């Protein structure tokens, strides 16, 4: 597929890969070369739709680049501080204990 970007023509390729029974995928050589991916490199697969049917793949340069990736999903939710985390843990274990007691009545 060819796409016009300003005055430049960009050729876009679609790659089809197979998932093994162990969940592994082999990226085609051309794709690895274009993305600069070598053996033991890590890649990021980022969903672009809620149903995960559209994803983007990028070469990973480390954990730092993932910082803030979930921020859009946290809109309107309270910030997670140490005290908030402790409170959530307490609520979780209290509820878990209540369920345990209810099952063993």
PDB file of N, CA and C in Angstrom:
ATOM      1  N   UNK A   1       0.851  -1.153   0.000  1.00  0.00           N
ATOM      2  CA  UNK A   1       0.000   0.000   0.000  1.00  0.00           C
ATOM      3  C   UNK A   1       0.905   1.225   0.000  1.00  0.00           C
ATOM      4  N   UNK A   2       0.546   2.237  -0.781  1.00  0.00           N
ATOM      5  CA  UNK A   2       1.321   3.458  -0.838  1.00  0.00           C
ATOM      6  C   UNK A   2       0.485   4.599  -0.295  1.00  0.00           C
ATOM      7  N   UNK A   3       1.094   5.416   0.553  1.00  0.00           N
ATOM      8  CA  UNK A   3       0.402   6.515   1.195  1.00  0.00           C
ATOM      9  C   UNK A   3       1.177   7.792   0.930  1.00  0.00           C
ATOM     10  N   UNK A   4       0.464   8.871   0.647  1.00  0.00           N
ATOM     11  CA  UNK A   4       1.114  10.141   0.390  1.00  0.00           C
ATOM     12  C   UNK A   4       1.203  10.923   1.694  1.00  0.00           C
ATOM     13  N   UNK A   5       2.409  11.328   2.034  1.00  0.00           N
ATOM     14  CA  UNK A   5       2.646  12.119   3.234  1.00  0.00           C
ATOM     15  C   UNK A   5       3.355  13.391   2.791  1.00  0.00           C
ATOM     16  N   UNK A   6       2.602  14.488   2.644  1.00  0.00           N
ATOM     17  CA  UNK A   6       3.180  15.703   2.075  1.00  0.00           C
ATOM     18  C   UNK A   6       3.521  15.417   0.630  1.00  0.00           C
ATOM     19  N   UNK A   7       4.777  15.556   0.245  1.00  0.00           N
ATOM     20  CA  UNK A   7       5.213  15.253  -1.118  1.00  0.00           C
ATOM     21  C   UNK A   7       5.893  13.896  -1.218  1.00  0.00           C
ATOM     22  N   UNK A   8       6.064  13.209  -0.084  1.00  0.00           N
ATOM     23  CA  UNK A   8       6.770  11.930  -0.085  1.00  0.00           C
ATOM     24  C   UNK A   8       5.783  10.772  -0.167  1.00  0.00           C
ATOM     25  N   UNK A   9       6.168   9.747  -0.892  1.00  0.00           N
ATOM     26  CA  UNK A   9       5.376   8.524  -0.960  1.00  0.00           C
ATOM     27  C   UNK A   9       5.936   7.534   0.053  1.00  0.00           C
ATOM     28  N   UNK A  10       5.071   6.992   0.867  1.00  0.00           N
ATOM     29  CA  UNK A  10       5.481   6.022   1.873  1.00  0.00           C
ATOM     30  C   UNK A  10       4.835   4.691   1.536  1.00  0.00           C
ATOM     31  N   UNK A  11       5.621   3.639   1.464  1.00  0.00           N
ATOM     32  CA  UNK A  11       5.078   2.312   1.206  1.00  0.00           C
ATOM     33  C   UNK A  11       4.802   1.630   2.536  1.00  0.00           C
ATOM     34  N   UNK A  12       3.557   1.220   2.728  1.00  0.00           N
ATOM     35  CA  UNK A  12       3.163   0.530   3.951  1.00  0.00           C
ATOM     36  C   UNK A  12       2.945  -0.941   3.634  1.00  0.00           C
ATOM     37  N   UNK A  13       3.517  -1.793   4.426  1.00  0.00           N
ATOM     38  CA  UNK A  13       3.354  -3.232   4.241  1.00  0.00           C
ATOM     39  C   UNK A  13       2.488  -3.791   5.347  1.00  0.00           C
ATOM     40  N   UNK A  14       1.684  -4.784   5.012  1.00  0.00           N
ATOM     41  CA  UNK A  14       0.931  -5.499   6.027  1.00  0.00           C
ATOM     42  C   UNK A  14       1.634  -6.835   6.221  1.00  0.00           C
ATOM     43  N   UNK A  15       1.874  -7.185   7.461  1.00  0.00           N
ATOM     44  CA  UNK A  15       2.539  -8.433   7.768  1.00  0.00           C
ATOM     45  C   UNK A  15       1.554  -9.350   8.473  1.00  0.00           C
ATOM     46  N   UNK A  16       1.570 -10.608   8.091  1.00  0.00           N
ATOM     47  CA  UNK A  16       0.737 -11.599   8.766  1.00  0.00           C
ATOM     48  C   UNK A  16       1.672 -12.591   9.445  1.00  0.00           C
ATOM     49  N   UNK A  17       1.423 -12.821  10.738  1.00  0.00           N
ATOM     50  CA  UNK A  17       2.264 -13.739  11.506  1.00  0.00           C
ATOM     51  C   UNK A  17       1.380 -14.803  12.133  1.00  0.00           C
ATOM     52  N   UNK A  18       1.992 -15.906  12.524  1.00  0.00           N
ATOM     53  CA  UNK A  18       1.273 -17.002  13.152  1.00  0.00           C
ATOM     54  C   UNK A  18       1.685 -17.097  14.614  1.00  0.00           C
ATOM     55  N   UNK A  19       0.717 -17.346  15.471  1.00  0.00           N
ATOM     56  CA  UNK A  19       0.981 -17.530  16.894  1.00  0.00           C
ATOM     57  C   UNK A  19       1.122 -19.028  17.142  1.00  0.00           C
ATOM     58  N   UNK A  20       2.222 -19.415  17.802  1.00  0.00           N
ATOM     59  CA  UNK A  20       2.441 -20.838  18.088  1.00  0.00           C
ATOM     60  C   UNK A  20       1.567 -21.265  19.260  1.00  0.00           C
ATOM     61  N   UNK A  21       1.544 -22.565  19.535  1.00  0.00           N
ATOM     62  CA  UNK A  21       0.758 -23.076  20.664  1.00  0.00           C
ATOM     63  C   UNK A  21       1.292 -22.555  21.999  1.00  0.00           C
ATOM     64  N   UNK A  22       2.531 -22.074  22.017  1.00  0.00           N
ATOM     65  CA  UNK A  22       3.123 -21.510  23.230  1.00  0.00           C
ATOM     66  C   UNK A  22       2.944 -20.000  23.293  1.00  0.00           C
ATOM     67  N   UNK A  23       2.197 -19.436  22.337  1.00  0.00           N
ATOM     68  CA  UNK A  23       1.922 -18.001  22.340  1.00  0.00           C
ATOM     69  C   UNK A  23       3.040 -17.156  21.755  1.00  0.00           C
ATOM     70  N   UNK A  24       3.968 -17.767  21.054  1.00  0.00           N
ATOM     71  CA  UNK A  24       5.083 -17.028  20.477  1.00  0.00           C
ATOM     72  C   UNK A  24       4.771 -16.597  19.052  1.00  0.00           C
ATOM     73  N   UNK A  25       5.357 -15.472  18.669  1.00  0.00           N
ATOM     74  CA  UNK A  25       5.167 -14.917  17.330  1.00  0.00           C
ATOM     75  C   UNK A  25       6.542 -14.629  16.746  1.00  0.00           C
ATOM     76  N   UNK A  26       6.738 -14.952  15.476  1.00  0.00           N
ATOM     77  CA  UNK A  26       7.983 -14.610  14.791  1.00  0.00           C
ATOM     78  C   UNK A  26       7.705 -13.432  13.877  1.00  0.00           C
ATOM     79  N   UNK A  27       8.462 -12.348  14.067  1.00  0.00           N
ATOM     80  CA  UNK A  27       8.300 -11.177  13.212  1.00  0.00           C
ATOM     81  C   UNK A  27       9.081 -11.392  11.927  1.00  0.00           C
ATOM     82  N   UNK A  28       8.500 -11.037  10.780  1.00  0.00           N
ATOM     83  CA  UNK A  28       9.205 -11.205   9.507  1.00  0.00           C
ATOM     84  C   UNK A  28      10.511 -10.407   9.482  1.00  0.00           C
ATOM     85  N   UNK A  29      11.498 -10.913   8.743  1.00  0.00           N
ATOM     86  CA  UNK A  29      12.828 -10.309   8.658  1.00  0.00           C
ATOM     87  C   UNK A  29      12.734  -8.847   8.225  1.00  0.00           C
ATOM     88  N   UNK A  30      11.932  -8.566   7.204  1.00  0.00           N
ATOM     89  CA  UNK A  30      11.810  -7.200   6.705  1.00  0.00           C
ATOM     90  C   UNK A  30      11.313  -6.260   7.810  1.00  0.00           C
ATOM     91  N   UNK A  31      10.358  -6.714   8.581  1.00  0.00           N
ATOM     92  CA  UNK A  31       9.816  -5.902   9.676  1.00  0.00           C
ATOM     93  C   UNK A  31      10.891  -5.656  10.733  1.00  0.00           C
ATOM     94  N   UNK A  32      11.627  -6.713  11.092  1.00  0.00           N
ATOM     95  CA  UNK A  32      12.683  -6.561  12.100  1.00  0.00           C
ATOM     96  C   UNK A  32      13.760  -5.600  11.631  1.00  0.00           C
ATOM     97  N   UNK A  33      14.137  -5.684  10.360  1.00  0.00           N
ATOM     98  CA  UNK A  33      15.163  -4.783   9.823  1.00  0.00           C
ATOM     99  C   UNK A  33      14.687  -3.335   9.845  1.00  0.00           C
ATOM    100  N   UNK A  34      13.456  -3.098   9.389  1.00  0.00           N
ATOM    101  CA  UNK A  34      12.917  -1.730   9.342  1.00  0.00           C
ATOM    102  C   UNK A  34      12.789  -1.120  10.734  1.00  0.00           C
ATOM    103  N   UNK A  35      12.464  -1.954  11.723  1.00  0.00           N
ATOM    104  CA  UNK A  35      12.289  -1.455  13.087  1.00  0.00           C
ATOM    105  C   UNK A  35      13.578  -1.511  13.903  1.00  0.00           C
ATOM    106  N   UNK A  36      14.621  -2.117  13.334  1.00  0.00           N
ATOM    107  CA  UNK A  36      15.898  -2.217  14.040  1.00  0.00           C
ATOM    108  C   UNK A  36      15.856  -3.197  15.197  1.00  0.00           C
ATOM    109  N   UNK A  37      15.037  -4.229  15.068  1.00  0.00           N
ATOM    110  CA  UNK A  37      14.882  -5.214  16.134  1.00  0.00           C
ATOM    111  C   UNK A  37      15.875  -6.349  15.926  1.00  0.00           C
ATOM    112  N   UNK A  38      16.627  -6.654  16.991  1.00  0.00           N
ATOM    113  CA  UNK A  38      17.598  -7.746  16.951  1.00  0.00           C
ATOM    114  C   UNK A  38      17.214  -8.786  17.996  1.00  0.00           C
ATOM    115  N   UNK A  39      17.894  -9.923  17.986  1.00  0.00           N
ATOM    116  CA  UNK A  39      17.628 -10.989  18.963  1.00  0.00           C
ATOM    117  C   UNK A  39      17.717 -10.437  20.385  1.00  0.00           C
ATOM    118  N   UNK A  40      16.803 -10.850  21.223  1.00  0.00           N
ATOM    119  CA  UNK A  40      16.709 -10.479  22.643  1.00  0.00           C
ATOM    120  C   UNK A  40      16.217  -9.054  22.879  1.00  0.00           C
ATOM    121  N   UNK A  41      15.913  -8.303  21.811  1.00  0.00           N
ATOM    122  CA  UNK A  41      15.299  -6.986  21.994  1.00  0.00           C
ATOM    123  C   UNK A  41      13.883  -7.172  22.492  1.00  0.00           C
ATOM    124  N   UNK A  42      13.354  -6.162  23.147  1.00  0.00           N
ATOM    125  CA  UNK A  42      11.968  -6.196  23.612  1.00  0.00           C
ATOM    126  C   UNK A  42      11.154  -5.248  22.752  1.00  0.00           C
ATOM    127  N   UNK A  43       9.872  -5.603  22.564  1.00  0.00           N
ATOM    128  CA  UNK A  43       8.975  -4.725  21.826  1.00  0.00           C
ATOM    129  C   UNK A  43       7.766  -4.411  22.698  1.00  0.00           C
ATOM    130  N   UNK A  44       7.135  -3.291  22.421  1.00  0.00           N
ATOM    131  CA  UNK A  44       5.908  -2.896  23.112  1.00  0.00           C
ATOM    132  C   UNK A  44       4.743  -3.134  22.170  1.00  0.00           C
ATOM    133  N   UNK A  45       3.714  -3.777  22.663  1.00  0.00           N
ATOM    134  CA  UNK A  45       2.475  -3.946  21.904  1.00  0.00           C
ATOM    135  C   UNK A  45       1.419  -3.167  22.664  1.00  0.00           C
ATOM    136  N   UNK A  46       0.929  -2.104  22.052  1.00  0.00           N
ATOM    137  CA  UNK A  46       0.026  -1.186  22.725  1.00  0.00           C
ATOM    138  C   UNK A  46      -1.342  -1.234  22.050  1.00  0.00           C
ATOM    139  N   UNK A  47      -2.398  -1.552  22.817  1.00  0.00           N
ATOM    140  CA  UNK A  47      -3.740  -1.583  22.221  1.00  0.00           C
ATOM    141  C   UNK A  47      -4.183  -0.184  21.828  1.00  0.00           C
ATOM    142  N   UNK A  48      -4.798  -0.073  20.663  1.00  0.00           N
ATOM    143  CA  UNK A  48      -5.315   1.217  20.214  1.00  0.00           C
ATOM    144  C   UNK A  48      -6.836   1.224  20.200  1.00  0.00           C
ATOM    145  N   UNK A  49      -7.434   0.105  20.590  1.00  0.00           N
ATOM    146  CA  UNK A  49      -8.890   0.042  20.702  1.00  0.00           C
ATOM    147  C   UNK A  49      -9.225  -0.818  21.915  1.00  0.00           C
ATOM    148  N   UNK A  50     -10.417  -0.611  22.460  1.00  0.00           N
ATOM    149  CA  UNK A  50     -10.822  -1.313  23.674  1.00  0.00           C
ATOM    150  C   UNK A  50     -10.884  -2.827  23.486  1.00  0.00           C
ATOM    151  N   UNK A  51     -11.190  -3.280  22.277  1.00  0.00           N
ATOM    152  CA  UNK A  51     -11.310  -4.723  22.035  1.00  0.00           C
ATOM    153  C   UNK A  51      -9.984  -5.368  21.600  1.00  0.00           C
ATOM    154  N   UNK A  52      -8.900  -4.602  21.613  1.00  0.00           N
ATOM    155  CA  UNK A  52      -7.556  -5.073  21.267  1.00  0.00           C
ATOM    156  C   UNK A  52      -7.441  -5.555  19.827  1.00  0.00           C
ATOM    157  N   UNK A  53      -8.366  -5.172  18.953  1.00  0.00           N
ATOM    158  CA  UNK A  53      -8.277  -5.606  17.555  1.00  0.00           C
ATOM    159  C   UNK A  53      -7.347  -4.713  16.745  1.00  0.00           C
ATOM    160  N   UNK A  54      -6.977  -3.574  17.305  1.00  0.00           N
ATOM    161  CA  UNK A  54      -6.043  -2.674  16.645  1.00  0.00           C
ATOM    162  C   UNK A  54      -4.935  -2.367  17.645  1.00  0.00           C
ATOM    163  N   UNK A  55      -3.678  -2.630  17.244  1.00  0.00           N
ATOM    164  CA  UNK A  55      -2.544  -2.439  18.139  1.00  0.00           C
ATOM    165  C   UNK A  55      -1.397  -1.792  17.389  1.00  0.00           C
ATOM    166  N   UNK A  56      -0.518  -1.145  18.136  1.00  0.00           N
ATOM    167  CA  UNK A  56       0.708  -0.634  17.534  1.00  0.00           C
ATOM    168  C   UNK A  56       1.877  -1.374  18.169  1.00  0.00           C
ATOM    169  N   UNK A  57       2.921  -1.563  17.386  1.00  0.00           N
ATOM    170  CA  UNK A  57       4.111  -2.271  17.852  1.00  0.00           C
ATOM    171  C   UNK A  57       5.290  -1.319  17.732  1.00  0.00           C
ATOM    172  N   UNK A  58       6.035  -1.157  18.816  1.00  0.00           N
ATOM    173  CA  UNK A  58       7.222  -0.317  18.806  1.00  0.00           C
ATOM    174  C   UNK A  58       8.368  -1.056  19.473  1.00  0.00           C
ATOM    175  N   UNK A  59       9.577  -0.697  19.092  1.00  0.00           N
ATOM    176  CA  UNK A  59      10.749  -1.281  19.738  1.00  0.00           C
ATOM    177  C   UNK A  59      10.887  -0.632  21.104  1.00  0.00           C
ATOM    178  N   UNK A  60      11.109  -1.444  22.110  1.00  0.00           N
ATOM    179  CA  UNK A  60      11.221  -0.944  23.473  1.00  0.00           C
ATOM    180  C   UNK A  60      12.637  -0.456  23.735  1.00  0.00           C
ATOM    181  N   UNK A  61      12.713   0.691  24.394  1.00  0.00           N
ATOM    182  CA  UNK A  61      14.029   1.193  24.794  1.00  0.00           C
ATOM    183  C   UNK A  61      14.171   1.144  26.304  1.00  0.00           C
ATOM    184  N   UNK A  62      13.120   0.718  26.993  1.00  0.00           N
ATOM    185  CA  UNK A  62      13.183   0.593  28.450  1.00  0.00           C
ATOM    186  C   UNK A  62      11.850   0.936  29.085  1.00  0.00           C
ATOM    187  N   UNK A  63      11.772   0.750  30.394  1.00  0.00           N
ATOM    188  CA  UNK A  63      10.529   0.984  31.127  1.00  0.00           C
ATOM    189  C   UNK A  63      10.146   2.446  31.172  1.00  0.00           C
ATOM    190  N   UNK A  64      11.109   3.325  31.097  1.00  0.00           N
ATOM    191  CA  UNK A  64      10.818   4.753  31.206  1.00  0.00           C
ATOM    192  C   UNK A  64       9.844   5.227  30.126  1.00  0.00           C
ATOM    193  N   UNK A  65       9.925   4.654  28.950  1.00  0.00           N
ATOM    194  CA  UNK A  65       9.047   5.105  27.869  1.00  0.00           C
ATOM    195  C   UNK A  65       7.587   4.721  28.107  1.00  0.00           C
ATOM    196  N   UNK A  66       7.336   3.791  29.017  1.00  0.00           N
ATOM    197  CA  UNK A  66       5.972   3.379  29.309  1.00  0.00           C
ATOM    198  C   UNK A  66       5.309   4.251  30.375  1.00  0.00           C
ATOM    199  N   UNK A  67       6.100   5.111  31.009  1.00  0.00           N
ATOM    200  CA  UNK A  67       5.559   5.964  32.071  1.00  0.00           C
ATOM    201  C   UNK A  67       4.401   6.807  31.522  1.00  0.00           C
ATOM    202  N   UNK A  68       3.283   6.744  32.228  1.00  0.00           N
ATOM    203  CA  UNK A  68       2.120   7.540  31.857  1.00  0.00           C
ATOM    204  C   UNK A  68       1.212   6.906  30.818  1.00  0.00           C
ATOM    205  N   UNK A  69       1.519   5.703  30.374  1.00  0.00           N
ATOM    206  CA  UNK A  69       0.726   5.076  29.317  1.00  0.00           C
ATOM    207  C   UNK A  69      -0.708   4.788  29.763  1.00  0.00           C
ATOM    208  N   UNK A  70      -0.914   4.568  31.058  1.00  0.00           N
ATOM    209  CA  UNK A  70      -2.255   4.271  31.565  1.00  0.00           C
ATOM    210  C   UNK A  70      -2.983   5.513  32.058  1.00  0.00           C
ATOM    211  N   UNK A  71      -2.353   6.655  31.972  1.00  0.00           N
ATOM    212  CA  UNK A  71      -2.934   7.887  32.480  1.00  0.00           C
ATOM    213  C   UNK A  71      -4.330   8.175  31.924  1.00  0.00           C
ATOM    214  N   UNK A  72      -4.590   7.961  30.623  1.00  0.00           N
ATOM    215  CA  UNK A  72      -5.938   8.235  30.105  1.00  0.00           C
ATOM    216  C   UNK A  72      -7.023   7.397  30.778  1.00  0.00           C
ATOM    217  N   UNK A  73      -6.657   6.225  31.289  1.00  0.00           N
ATOM    218  CA  UNK A  73      -7.634   5.352  31.924  1.00  0.00           C
ATOM    219  C   UNK A  73      -7.898   5.748  33.381  1.00  0.00           C
ATOM    220  N   UNK A  74      -7.060   6.624  33.928  1.00  0.00           N
ATOM    221  CA  UNK A  74      -7.180   7.015  35.325  1.00  0.00           C
ATOM    222  C   UNK A  74      -7.938   8.329  35.514  1.00  0.00           C
ATOM    223  N   UNK A  75      -8.491   8.872  34.434  1.00  0.00           N
ATOM    224  CA  UNK A  75      -9.200  10.145  34.516  1.00  0.00           C
ATOM    225  C   UNK A  75     -10.366  10.040  35.491  1.00  0.00           C
ATOM    226  N   UNK A  76     -10.431  10.951  36.438  1.00  0.00           N
ATOM    227  CA  UNK A  76     -11.520  10.976  37.402  1.00  0.00           C
ATOM    228  C   UNK A  76     -11.334  10.032  38.581  1.00  0.00           C
ATOM    229  N   UNK A  77     -10.222   9.319  38.626  1.00  0.00           N
ATOM    230  CA  UNK A  77      -9.969   8.392  39.724  1.00  0.00           C
ATOM    231  C   UNK A  77      -8.967   9.034  40.681  1.00  0.00           C
ATOM    232  N   UNK A  78      -9.066   8.712  41.985  1.00  0.00           N
ATOM    233  CA  UNK A  78      -8.139   9.325  42.942  1.00  0.00           C
ATOM    234  C   UNK A  78      -6.711   8.862  42.709  1.00  0.00           C
ATOM    235  N   UNK A  79      -5.785   9.746  42.995  1.00  0.00           N
ATOM    236  CA  UNK A  79      -4.357   9.440  42.857  1.00  0.00           C
ATOM    237  C   UNK A  79      -3.961   8.372  43.883  1.00  0.00           C
ATOM    238  N   UNK A  80      -3.108   7.460  43.479  1.00  0.00           N
ATOM    239  CA  UNK A  80      -2.698   6.363  44.363  1.00  0.00           C
ATOM    240  C   UNK A  80      -1.477   6.785  45.178  1.00  0.00           C
ATOM    241  N   UNK A  81      -1.717   7.086  46.441  1.00  0.00           N
ATOM    242  CA  UNK A  81      -0.645   7.446  47.366  1.00  0.00           C
ATOM    243  C   UNK A  81      -0.402   6.253  48.285  1.00  0.00           C
ATOM    244  N   UNK A  82       0.642   6.329  49.119  1.00  0.00           N
ATOM    245  CA  UNK A  82       0.923   5.236  50.049  1.00  0.00           C
ATOM    246  C   UNK A  82      -0.245   5.008  50.997  1.00  0.00           C
ATOM    247  N   UNK A  83      -0.818   6.092  51.524  1.00  0.00           N
ATOM    248  CA  UNK A  83      -1.930   5.940  52.463  1.00  0.00           C
ATOM    249  C   UNK A  83      -3.163   5.371  51.764  1.00  0.00           C
ATOM    250  N   UNK A  84      -3.414   5.789  50.521  1.00  0.00           N
ATOM    251  CA  UNK A  84      -4.550   5.252  49.752  1.00  0.00           C
ATOM    252  C   UNK A  84      -4.338   3.771  49.468  1.00  0.00           C
ATOM    253  N   UNK A  85      -3.118   3.394  49.127  1.00  0.00           N
ATOM    254  CA  UNK A  85      -2.800   1.993  48.860  1.00  0.00           C
ATOM    255  C   UNK A  85      -3.011   1.146  50.115  1.00  0.00           C
ATOM    256  N   UNK A  86      -2.570   1.634  51.256  1.00  0.00           N
ATOM    257  CA  UNK A  86      -2.771   0.902  52.511  1.00  0.00           C
ATOM    258  C   UNK A  86      -4.262   0.727  52.806  1.00  0.00           C
ATOM    259  N   UNK A  87      -5.035   1.772  52.566  1.00  0.00           N
ATOM    260  CA  UNK A  87      -6.481   1.700  52.797  1.00  0.00           C
ATOM    261  C   UNK A  87      -7.122   0.658  51.871  1.00  0.00           C
ATOM    262  N   UNK A  88      -6.716   0.656  50.597  1.00  0.00           N
ATOM    263  CA  UNK A  88      -7.253  -0.321  49.650  1.00  0.00           C
ATOM    264  C   UNK A  88      -6.874  -1.745  50.048  1.00  0.00           C
ATOM    265  N   UNK A  89      -5.632  -1.931  50.510  1.00  0.00           N
ATOM    266  CA  UNK A  89      -5.200  -3.254  50.969  1.00  0.00           C
ATOM    267  C   UNK A  89      -6.036  -3.709  52.155  1.00  0.00           C
ATOM    268  N   UNK A  90      -6.263  -2.808  53.078  1.00  0.00           N
ATOM    269  CA  UNK A  90      -7.057  -3.125  54.260  1.00  0.00           C
ATOM    270  C   UNK A  90      -8.484  -3.527  53.869  1.00  0.00           C
ATOM    271  N   UNK A  91      -9.075  -2.764  52.950  1.00  0.00           N
ATOM    272  CA  UNK A  91     -10.428  -3.085  52.483  1.00  0.00           C
ATOM    273  C   UNK A  91     -10.450  -4.441  51.789  1.00  0.00           C
ATOM    274  N   UNK A  92      -9.445  -4.699  50.970  1.00  0.00           N
ATOM    275  CA  UNK A  92      -9.365  -5.962  50.235  1.00  0.00           C
ATOM    276  C   UNK A  92      -9.286  -7.148  51.190  1.00  0.00           C
ATOM    277  N   UNK A  93      -8.362  -7.073  52.153  1.00  0.00           N
ATOM    278  CA  UNK A  93      -8.185  -8.199  53.077  1.00  0.00           C
ATOM    279  C   UNK A  93      -9.375  -8.358  54.019  1.00  0.00           C
ATOM    280  N   UNK A  94     -10.019  -7.254  54.394  1.00  0.00           N
ATOM    281  CA  UNK A  94     -11.207  -7.335  55.230  1.00  0.00           C
ATOM    282  C   UNK A  94     -12.322  -8.060  54.484  1.00  0.00           C
ATOM    283  N   UNK A  95     -12.529  -7.673  53.227  1.00  0.00           N
ATOM    284  CA  UNK A  95     -13.568  -8.321  52.410  1.00  0.00           C
ATOM    285  C   UNK A  95     -13.223  -9.789  52.181  1.00  0.00           C
ATOM    286  N   UNK A  96     -11.969 -10.065  51.934  1.00  0.00           N
ATOM    287  CA  UNK A  96     -11.529 -11.448  51.719  1.00  0.00           C
ATOM    288  C   UNK A  96     -11.799 -12.303  52.973  1.00  0.00           C
ATOM    289  N   UNK A  97     -11.512 -11.740  54.139  1.00  0.00           N
ATOM    290  CA  UNK A  97     -11.729 -12.453  55.396  1.00  0.00           C
ATOM    291  C   UNK A  97     -13.221 -12.675  55.630  1.00  0.00           C
ATOM    292  N   UNK A  98     -14.045 -11.675  55.320  1.00  0.00           N
ATOM    293  CA  UNK A  98     -15.503 -11.838  55.460  1.00  0.00           C
ATOM    294  C   UNK A  98     -16.014 -12.990  54.594  1.00  0.00           C
ATOM    295  N   UNK A  99     -15.523 -13.056  53.364  1.00  0.00           N
ATOM    296  CA  UNK A  99     -15.945 -14.148  52.462  1.00  0.00           C
ATOM    297  C   UNK A  99     -15.490 -15.505  53.006  1.00  0.00           C
ATOM    298  N   UNK A 100     -14.290 -15.553  53.558  1.00  0.00           N
ATOM    299  CA  UNK A 100     -13.770 -16.786  54.132  1.00  0.00           C
ATOM    300  C   UNK A 100     -14.659 -17.242  55.290  1.00  0.00           C
ATOM    301  N   UNK A 101     -15.002 -16.309  56.177  1.00  0.00           N
ATOM    302  CA  UNK A 101     -15.860 -16.645  57.309  1.00  0.00           C
ATOM    303  C   UNK A 101     -17.237 -17.128  56.839  1.00  0.00           C
ATOM    304  N   UNK A 102     -17.774 -16.471  55.822  1.00  0.00           N
ATOM    305  CA  UNK A 102     -19.101 -16.832  55.300  1.00  0.00           C
ATOM    306  C   UNK A 102     -19.081 -18.242  54.716  1.00  0.00           C
ATOM    307  N   UNK A 103     -18.002 -18.594  54.005  1.00  0.00           N
ATOM    308  CA  UNK A 103     -17.896 -19.927  53.408  1.00  0.00           C
ATOM    309  C   UNK A 103     -17.783 -21.018  54.465  1.00  0.00           C
ATOM    310  N   UNK A 104     -17.170 -20.707  55.587  1.00  0.00           N
ATOM    311  CA  UNK A 104     -16.904 -21.708  56.629  1.00  0.00           C
ATOM    312  C   UNK A 104     -17.899 -21.685  57.772  1.00  0.00           C
ATOM    313  N   UNK A 105     -19.046 -21.116  57.534  1.00  0.00           N
ATOM    314  CA  UNK A 105     -20.089 -21.105  58.586  1.00  0.00           C
ATOM    315  C   UNK A 105     -20.729 -22.466  58.752  1.00  0.00           C
TER     316      UNK A 105
END
